[in-house]
Every structure is written in structure tokens, then in C-alpha cells.
Amino acid sequence: MTTVLGTPAGQRPTRKARKPSPWAAPPRPAWEEEPSRAGQAGKGLALGLACLGILFPLWIVVVTSLQTKQTIDEAGGLVVIPKSVTFVAYQELLTGGQVQRATLVSIGVTVVGTLFSMAVSVLCAYGLSRSGSLGHRWILMTLLATMFFGAGLIPTYLLVQALGLTDTYLALILPSAVSVFNILVLRAFFMNISQELVDSARIDGAGDWRILFRIVMPLSRAVIAVISLFYAVGYWSAWFNASIYLTDQDMMPLQNVMIQLVQKQERPVGLSAQINTGQLSPLAIQMAVMVLALLPVAVLSPFVQKHFRKGMLTGAVKG
């Protein structure tokens, strides 16, 4: 029997199956109709309008912060089409004064608070994920009760005051250090880890600490990244705790300075001379502070975005 290119005579060569493209749409169920062109066009139009509604205000804020006082005065306020680019507002904000100090305070509170919150949440979630742990059910029920019942603002303030935390940076971290929702997500993810893997580690002599740091946490990097982002965004965007627990303006985080600047029309310390002499526009300063407040979240979110689906949905399979 003769062969053609390695294929027996009378038999057609078979083509290799192509790998599905990662960008291809998933197969539709048998009962779901194929989308029409009008439907696809409508979805694309709706998505484009939604993106435009989100990006257009951000564009105005960024462009206005980069304009000179003359350009802003000619536009009568917010600038849509830039005529020139200048970083004077950012240079003045970051070369000293209240805004620079508030930015450093926000960065410090975010870093320390996120590390502390993740340490407490991971330890609590790991303990609750072990069904034989001491007081497992009672502790879980107590945490769930706090999601529906709270003491209120006045008892919380009195507790913080009695602990001597007012006018301290701990008042920006401890009152909101732990989220029960985040603990439940971590617990559900930990429970999805194969019990046989944990048992084999125990047979080899590993204790709970080694199992947590060598097995559980490396396998849970997705959910840990997502929860860390949740805590970091919460600390960076927080302003309420500082408004009620702090009286020293030098300790205020960036969000509170931005509120004072935008809502109350107050000028940051160190910029009054430049604004009074016409070198800076108050509106450019306001927009620059907004950009500084949005920049860390906008930079970090894309790096954690790939973990959202795995970290949140996988952790919600088992309760």
C-alpha cells in the first residue's frame, strides 16, 4: 500500500485541530438564539456610551489640571480641549505644604492598614475554615451577626475616645480594620483547597503555621490579591474616620484635604501666595488634587483585574 505524505493510500490526510482562541466567544447553549446584527450593534453602542460617560469626566479633570490660568479663564471654567500642557499645579502640590503631607499620610495609612487588615483577616479566615477549630461555629455566628447589627456611631466614638485613639493615626486604621465580608470570602476560598493536600502535609510533620504559609497562601494568591485591593482602596478613599477622630489639620489624609479644597473652597497651606499673584488657578489646583487621589487606584486596578474572576467566584462556590 502506497502512502502520500505519510498518509495511507485512499485515505485523506486529517487536519490538526486548531486550538480555540482565548478571545473567541464561549459556545452558546442550544436554547439560546444567535444574536442579530442589530442586537450586537445596540450592545456595542450602549457599551461605548457607558465608556464615554465614565472617561469623559476623567478627561476633563486631567486636562483642566494641566492648563494655565489664562486657558482656564478663557474657557470660563473646566477645559475640554487642551491648548497647552503645564505641570505647575502638580509641582506646587508636591513640593511641600499641606497636600504633600496629606499624601504621605494617606500612603502610610493605606500600606500599614492593608497589611494589618490582611494579617487579621487571613488568620481569622484560616481558623474558621478548619471545621475542628476551637469555638468555630460560635465565632462564625458572632461575625455574621455584626454584618446585620451594629452599635452605631456614638458608642463607636466613645470607645475610640476611651481607648485614647483620638488624634492618632490608629484611629484611621483600627475602627475599620476588619471586614466580615472579606473574611467570609477568604474562608470560602480556603475551604476549596484540597483537604488531602493538607492531610499529607500534616503526615509529613507540618504544623498549622507552616501549612498556612507554605500551602494555603501560595494557592490563594488570587483571592489574597483581590481582598488586598479591597482593603487598600478602602483605606485610601476613607475620609469619615479622620473627620470625626482627628482635629489636627496636619494629620489629615489626602481625601479630607480634597474635600476641604473642593467643597469648602479652602486653599491648601503654601499655595495662597501663588494663587493670589495669579500664577496658579484655584480650579487647576482642585483638579490636580483629584487626579492625585484617583491615580493610585487607577494604576493598581489593572494589575489585580486578572485575579477578580478567580478570586471572587471560586471563593463563593462553597460556604
Protein backbone atom coordinates (compact mmCIF):
# COMPACT_ATOMS: atom_id res chain seq x y z
CA MET A 1 0.00 0.00 0.00
CA THR A 2 1.42 3.33 -1.06
CA THR A 3 1.34 6.41 1.08
CA VAL A 4 1.16 10.06 0.24
CA LEU A 5 2.95 12.35 2.65
CA GLY A 6 2.76 9.77 5.39
CA THR A 7 -0.97 9.00 4.82
CA PRO A 8 -2.16 5.55 3.60
CA ALA A 9 -3.48 5.43 0.01
CA GLY A 10 -7.21 6.06 -0.33
CA GLN A 11 -7.36 7.98 2.96
CA ARG A 12 -7.45 11.74 3.15
CA PRO A 13 -4.94 13.42 5.41
CA THR A 14 -6.55 14.74 8.53
CA ARG A 15 -6.08 18.32 9.63
CA LYS A 16 -4.85 19.11 13.08
CA ALA A 17 -7.49 20.57 15.34
CA ARG A 18 -6.95 24.24 15.94
CA LYS A 19 -6.77 25.50 19.48
CA PRO A 20 -9.66 27.79 20.36
CA SER A 21 -8.70 31.42 20.51
CA PRO A 22 -8.74 32.91 24.03
CA TRP A 23 -10.63 35.89 22.58
CA ALA A 24 -13.33 33.74 20.98
CA ALA A 25 -16.82 33.88 22.46
CA PRO A 26 -17.81 30.84 24.55
CA PRO A 27 -20.18 28.35 22.90
CA ARG A 28 -23.84 29.23 23.26
CA PRO A 29 -26.38 26.85 24.81
CA ALA A 30 -28.66 25.03 22.39
CA TRP A 31 -31.71 27.00 23.54
CA GLU A 32 -30.12 30.43 23.11
CA GLU A 33 -30.60 32.17 19.78
CA GLU A 34 -27.77 33.66 17.79
CA PRO A 35 -27.55 37.45 18.26
CA SER A 36 -28.73 39.57 15.40
CA ARG A 37 -26.63 42.31 13.85
CA ALA A 38 -28.97 44.93 15.26
CA GLY A 39 -28.61 43.43 18.72
CA GLN A 40 -24.84 43.37 18.52
CA ALA A 41 -24.79 46.95 17.24
CA GLY A 42 -27.07 48.04 20.07
CA LYS A 43 -24.88 46.36 22.68
CA GLY A 44 -21.77 47.97 21.19
CA LEU A 45 -23.43 51.38 21.18
CA ALA A 46 -24.60 51.03 24.78
CA LEU A 47 -21.13 49.91 25.89
CA GLY A 48 -19.49 52.78 24.01
CA LEU A 49 -21.84 55.33 25.60
CA ALA A 50 -21.16 53.87 29.04
CA CYS A 51 -17.40 54.10 28.50
CA LEU A 52 -17.78 57.65 27.22
CA GLY A 53 -19.82 58.61 30.26
CA ILE A 54 -17.02 57.32 32.51
CA LEU A 55 -13.98 58.55 30.60
CA PHE A 56 -15.23 61.99 29.56
CA PRO A 57 -15.41 63.44 33.13
CA LEU A 58 -11.97 61.96 33.86
CA TRP A 59 -10.64 63.58 30.69
CA ILE A 60 -11.99 66.98 31.78
CA VAL A 61 -10.43 66.66 35.25
CA VAL A 62 -6.99 65.67 33.91
CA VAL A 63 -6.97 68.27 31.11
CA THR A 64 -8.06 71.09 33.41
CA SER A 65 -5.33 70.24 35.92
CA LEU A 66 -2.71 70.63 33.16
CA GLN A 67 -3.84 74.06 31.90
CA THR A 68 -2.58 77.53 32.70
CA LYS A 69 -4.67 80.13 34.47
CA GLN A 70 -5.11 82.05 31.21
CA THR A 71 -6.51 79.00 29.38
CA ILE A 72 -8.92 78.20 32.22
CA ASP A 73 -10.13 81.81 32.32
CA GLU A 74 -10.68 81.83 28.56
CA ALA A 75 -12.70 78.60 28.78
CA GLY A 76 -14.77 80.00 31.62
CA GLY A 77 -14.00 77.06 33.92
CA LEU A 78 -13.46 73.42 33.01
CA VAL A 79 -11.38 72.81 29.89
CA VAL A 80 -12.37 70.14 27.34
CA ILE A 81 -9.88 70.79 24.53
CA PRO A 82 -6.33 71.44 25.81
CA LYS A 83 -4.35 74.35 24.38
CA SER A 84 -1.14 73.82 26.31
CA VAL A 85 0.29 71.49 28.93
CA THR A 86 1.87 72.63 32.16
CA PHE A 87 2.65 70.74 35.36
CA VAL A 88 2.86 73.82 37.57
CA ALA A 89 -0.12 72.72 39.70
CA TYR A 90 1.44 69.32 40.41
CA GLN A 91 4.85 70.83 41.10
CA GLU A 92 3.41 73.22 43.64
CA LEU A 93 1.32 70.50 45.29
CA LEU A 94 4.21 68.07 45.67
CA THR A 95 6.97 70.48 46.70
CA GLY A 96 5.71 70.94 50.23
CA GLY A 97 2.75 72.11 52.21
CA GLN A 98 -0.47 70.51 53.31
CA VAL A 99 -1.17 68.44 50.19
CA GLN A 100 2.22 66.74 50.20
CA ARG A 101 1.92 65.93 53.89
CA ALA A 102 -1.62 64.62 53.41
CA THR A 103 -0.46 62.42 50.52
CA LEU A 104 2.26 60.87 52.69
CA VAL A 105 -0.29 60.31 55.48
CA SER A 106 -2.66 58.54 53.08
CA ILE A 107 0.13 56.35 51.69
CA GLY A 108 1.30 55.38 55.18
CA VAL A 109 -2.20 54.62 56.46
CA THR A 110 -3.00 52.60 53.33
CA VAL A 111 0.14 50.47 53.49
CA VAL A 112 0.08 49.82 57.24
CA GLY A 113 -3.70 49.39 57.36
CA THR A 114 -3.77 46.95 54.44
CA LEU A 115 -1.01 44.79 55.93
CA PHE A 116 -2.70 44.74 59.35
CA SER A 117 -6.16 44.03 57.92
CA MET A 118 -4.88 41.23 55.69
CA ALA A 119 -2.98 39.63 58.58
CA VAL A 120 -6.07 39.60 60.81
CA SER A 121 -8.42 38.53 58.01
CA VAL A 122 -6.22 35.67 56.74
CA LEU A 123 -5.64 34.28 60.24
CA CYS A 124 -9.33 34.52 61.12
CA ALA A 125 -10.46 33.00 57.82
CA TYR A 126 -7.99 30.12 58.07
CA GLY A 127 -9.12 29.30 61.60
CA LEU A 128 -12.78 29.37 60.58
CA SER A 129 -12.07 27.19 57.54
CA ARG A 130 -10.92 24.35 59.81
CA SER A 131 -14.12 22.67 61.00
CA GLY A 132 -12.48 21.26 64.11
CA SER A 133 -11.08 24.55 65.42
CA LEU A 134 -11.98 25.76 68.89
CA GLY A 135 -15.26 27.72 69.00
CA HIS A 136 -15.54 27.54 65.23
CA ARG A 137 -19.34 27.77 64.99
CA TRP A 138 -19.84 30.38 67.73
CA ILE A 139 -17.16 32.69 66.36
CA LEU A 140 -18.62 32.40 62.87
CA MET A 141 -22.13 33.22 64.11
CA THR A 142 -20.81 36.20 66.06
CA LEU A 143 -19.07 37.58 62.97
CA LEU A 144 -22.19 37.09 60.88
CA ALA A 145 -24.27 38.95 63.48
CA THR A 146 -22.05 42.02 63.16
CA MET A 147 -22.99 42.26 59.47
CA PHE A 148 -26.63 42.93 60.41
CA PHE A 149 -26.40 44.64 63.81
CA GLY A 150 -24.11 47.49 64.81
CA ALA A 151 -23.71 49.66 67.90
CA GLY A 152 -23.85 52.93 65.96
CA LEU A 153 -21.67 55.98 65.62
CA ILE A 154 -21.89 57.38 69.15
CA PRO A 155 -20.85 54.16 71.00
CA THR A 156 -18.06 53.67 68.47
CA TYR A 157 -16.77 57.20 69.05
CA LEU A 158 -16.95 56.76 72.83
CA LEU A 159 -15.00 53.50 72.55
CA VAL A 160 -12.29 55.10 70.42
CA GLN A 161 -12.11 58.02 72.84
CA ALA A 162 -11.90 55.71 75.88
CA LEU A 163 -9.02 53.81 74.26
CA GLY A 164 -7.14 57.07 73.76
CA LEU A 165 -7.06 56.75 69.98
CA THR A 166 -8.40 60.20 69.11
CA ASP A 167 -5.89 62.41 67.30
CA THR A 168 -3.76 59.36 66.49
CA TYR A 169 -3.20 57.55 63.22
CA LEU A 170 -4.50 54.34 64.80
CA ALA A 171 -7.96 55.92 64.73
CA LEU A 172 -7.75 55.76 60.93
CA ILE A 173 -6.94 52.02 60.95
CA LEU A 174 -8.42 50.12 63.89
CA PRO A 175 -12.14 51.10 63.69
CA SER A 176 -12.37 49.75 60.13
CA ALA A 177 -9.56 47.21 60.17
CA VAL A 178 -11.64 44.09 59.55
CA SER A 179 -14.43 43.38 57.08
CA VAL A 180 -16.55 40.32 57.81
CA PHE A 181 -17.44 40.02 54.13
CA ASN A 182 -13.76 39.76 53.19
CA ILE A 183 -13.20 37.16 55.90
CA LEU A 184 -16.07 35.05 54.55
CA VAL A 185 -14.67 35.24 51.01
CA LEU A 186 -11.23 34.14 52.24
CA ARG A 187 -12.77 31.36 54.34
CA ALA A 188 -14.75 30.01 51.38
CA PHE A 189 -11.62 30.02 49.22
CA PHE A 190 -9.57 28.24 51.91
CA MET A 191 -12.28 25.59 52.22
CA ASN A 192 -11.95 24.82 48.49
CA ILE A 193 -8.34 23.76 48.93
CA SER A 194 -7.97 20.00 48.79
CA GLN A 195 -8.15 18.50 52.27
CA GLU A 196 -5.92 15.63 51.10
CA LEU A 197 -3.14 18.14 50.45
CA VAL A 198 -3.42 19.50 53.98
CA ASP A 199 -3.57 15.99 55.47
CA SER A 200 -0.45 14.92 53.58
CA ALA A 201 1.37 17.95 54.95
CA ARG A 202 0.32 17.02 58.48
CA ILE A 203 1.59 13.49 57.98
CA ASP A 204 4.95 14.96 56.96
CA GLY A 205 5.04 16.86 60.27
CA ALA A 206 3.89 20.33 59.20
CA GLY A 207 2.02 22.42 61.73
CA ASP A 208 -0.78 24.91 61.17
CA TRP A 209 1.57 27.86 60.64
CA ARG A 210 3.65 26.03 58.04
CA ILE A 211 0.51 24.76 56.27
CA LEU A 212 -0.88 28.29 56.15
CA PHE A 213 2.27 29.98 54.84
CA ARG A 214 3.63 27.17 52.62
CA ILE A 215 0.45 25.63 51.18
CA VAL A 216 -2.72 27.65 51.75
CA MET A 217 -1.47 31.15 50.99
CA PRO A 218 0.52 30.25 47.83
CA LEU A 219 -2.59 28.53 46.46
CA SER A 220 -4.75 31.53 47.38
CA ARG A 221 -2.77 34.31 45.72
CA ALA A 222 -5.73 35.32 43.55
CA VAL A 223 -8.18 35.91 46.39
CA ILE A 224 -5.48 37.49 48.56
CA ALA A 225 -4.69 39.97 45.78
CA VAL A 226 -8.36 40.87 45.38
CA ILE A 227 -9.02 41.30 49.11
CA SER A 228 -5.83 43.32 49.48
CA LEU A 229 -7.06 45.67 46.77
CA PHE A 230 -10.41 46.00 48.54
CA TYR A 231 -8.71 46.97 51.79
CA ALA A 232 -6.23 49.31 50.08
CA VAL A 233 -8.95 51.16 48.17
CA GLY A 234 -10.99 51.42 51.36
CA TYR A 235 -8.13 52.96 53.34
CA TRP A 236 -7.08 55.27 50.51
CA SER A 237 -10.62 56.56 49.95
CA ALA A 238 -11.59 56.80 53.62
CA TRP A 239 -12.37 60.24 54.97
CA PHE A 240 -15.10 59.76 57.59
CA ASN A 241 -12.90 58.41 60.39
CA ALA A 242 -10.48 61.30 60.01
CA SER A 243 -13.31 63.84 60.07
CA ILE A 244 -14.61 62.65 63.46
CA TYR A 245 -11.49 61.31 65.20
CA LEU A 246 -8.87 63.91 64.16
CA THR A 247 -8.75 67.59 65.00
CA ASP A 248 -5.16 68.32 63.94
CA GLN A 249 -5.09 69.53 60.32
CA ASP A 250 -1.51 68.30 59.90
CA MET A 251 -2.71 64.70 60.40
CA MET A 252 -5.50 64.84 57.83
CA PRO A 253 -5.23 62.38 54.88
CA LEU A 254 -5.50 63.42 51.26
CA GLN A 255 -9.22 62.75 50.90
CA ASN A 256 -10.08 65.18 53.70
CA VAL A 257 -7.85 67.86 52.21
CA MET A 258 -9.56 67.35 48.87
CA ILE A 259 -12.99 67.76 50.49
CA GLN A 260 -11.88 70.96 52.19
CA LEU A 261 -10.48 72.26 48.94
CA VAL A 262 -13.38 71.37 46.65
CA GLN A 263 -16.46 71.74 48.83
CA LYS A 264 -15.43 74.49 51.22
CA GLN A 265 -13.25 76.29 48.66
CA GLU A 266 -10.30 76.42 51.05
CA ARG A 267 -6.78 76.75 49.73
CA PRO A 268 -4.04 74.34 50.78
CA VAL A 269 -1.36 75.75 53.02
CA GLY A 270 1.57 77.09 50.99
CA LEU A 271 -0.37 77.91 47.81
CA SER A 272 -2.12 81.13 48.78
CA ALA A 273 0.72 83.33 47.52
CA GLN A 274 0.82 81.72 44.09
CA ILE A 275 -2.97 81.87 43.74
CA ASN A 276 -3.19 85.49 44.88
CA THR A 277 -0.49 86.60 42.44
CA GLY A 278 -2.25 84.92 39.54
CA GLN A 279 0.41 82.26 38.94
CA LEU A 280 -1.98 79.41 39.68
CA SER A 281 -5.67 78.84 39.07
CA PRO A 282 -7.67 77.56 42.06
CA LEU A 283 -9.59 75.29 39.69
CA ALA A 284 -6.37 73.72 38.37
CA ILE A 285 -5.30 73.02 41.96
CA GLN A 286 -8.63 71.36 42.71
CA MET A 287 -8.44 69.16 39.64
CA ALA A 288 -4.80 68.24 40.37
CA VAL A 289 -5.72 67.10 43.88
CA MET A 290 -8.50 64.95 42.40
CA VAL A 291 -6.04 63.35 39.99
CA LEU A 292 -3.62 62.60 42.85
CA ALA A 293 -6.46 60.96 44.77
CA LEU A 294 -7.52 58.80 41.79
CA LEU A 295 -4.07 57.89 40.48
CA PRO A 296 -3.10 55.01 42.85
CA VAL A 297 -6.39 53.17 42.34
CA ALA A 298 -6.21 53.63 38.57
CA VAL A 299 -2.63 52.29 38.49
CA LEU A 300 -3.14 49.27 40.76
CA SER A 301 -6.52 48.06 39.47
CA PRO A 302 -5.31 46.70 36.08
CA PHE A 303 -2.68 44.54 37.78
CA VAL A 304 -5.27 42.90 40.04
CA GLN A 305 -8.06 42.74 37.46
CA LYS A 306 -6.99 39.30 36.19
CA HIS A 307 -7.47 37.86 39.68
CA PHE A 308 -11.03 39.15 40.19
CA ARG A 309 -12.88 36.31 38.49
CA LYS A 310 -10.85 33.53 40.06
CA GLY A 311 -10.55 35.19 43.44
CA MET A 312 -14.21 36.11 43.91
CA LEU A 313 -16.19 33.45 42.02
CA THR A 314 -14.10 30.47 43.09
CA GLY A 315 -14.27 31.57 46.69
CA ALA A 316 -18.06 31.80 46.50
CA VAL A 317 -18.64 28.19 45.44
CA LYS A 318 -18.57 26.66 48.89
CA GLY A 319 -19.87 28.33 52.05
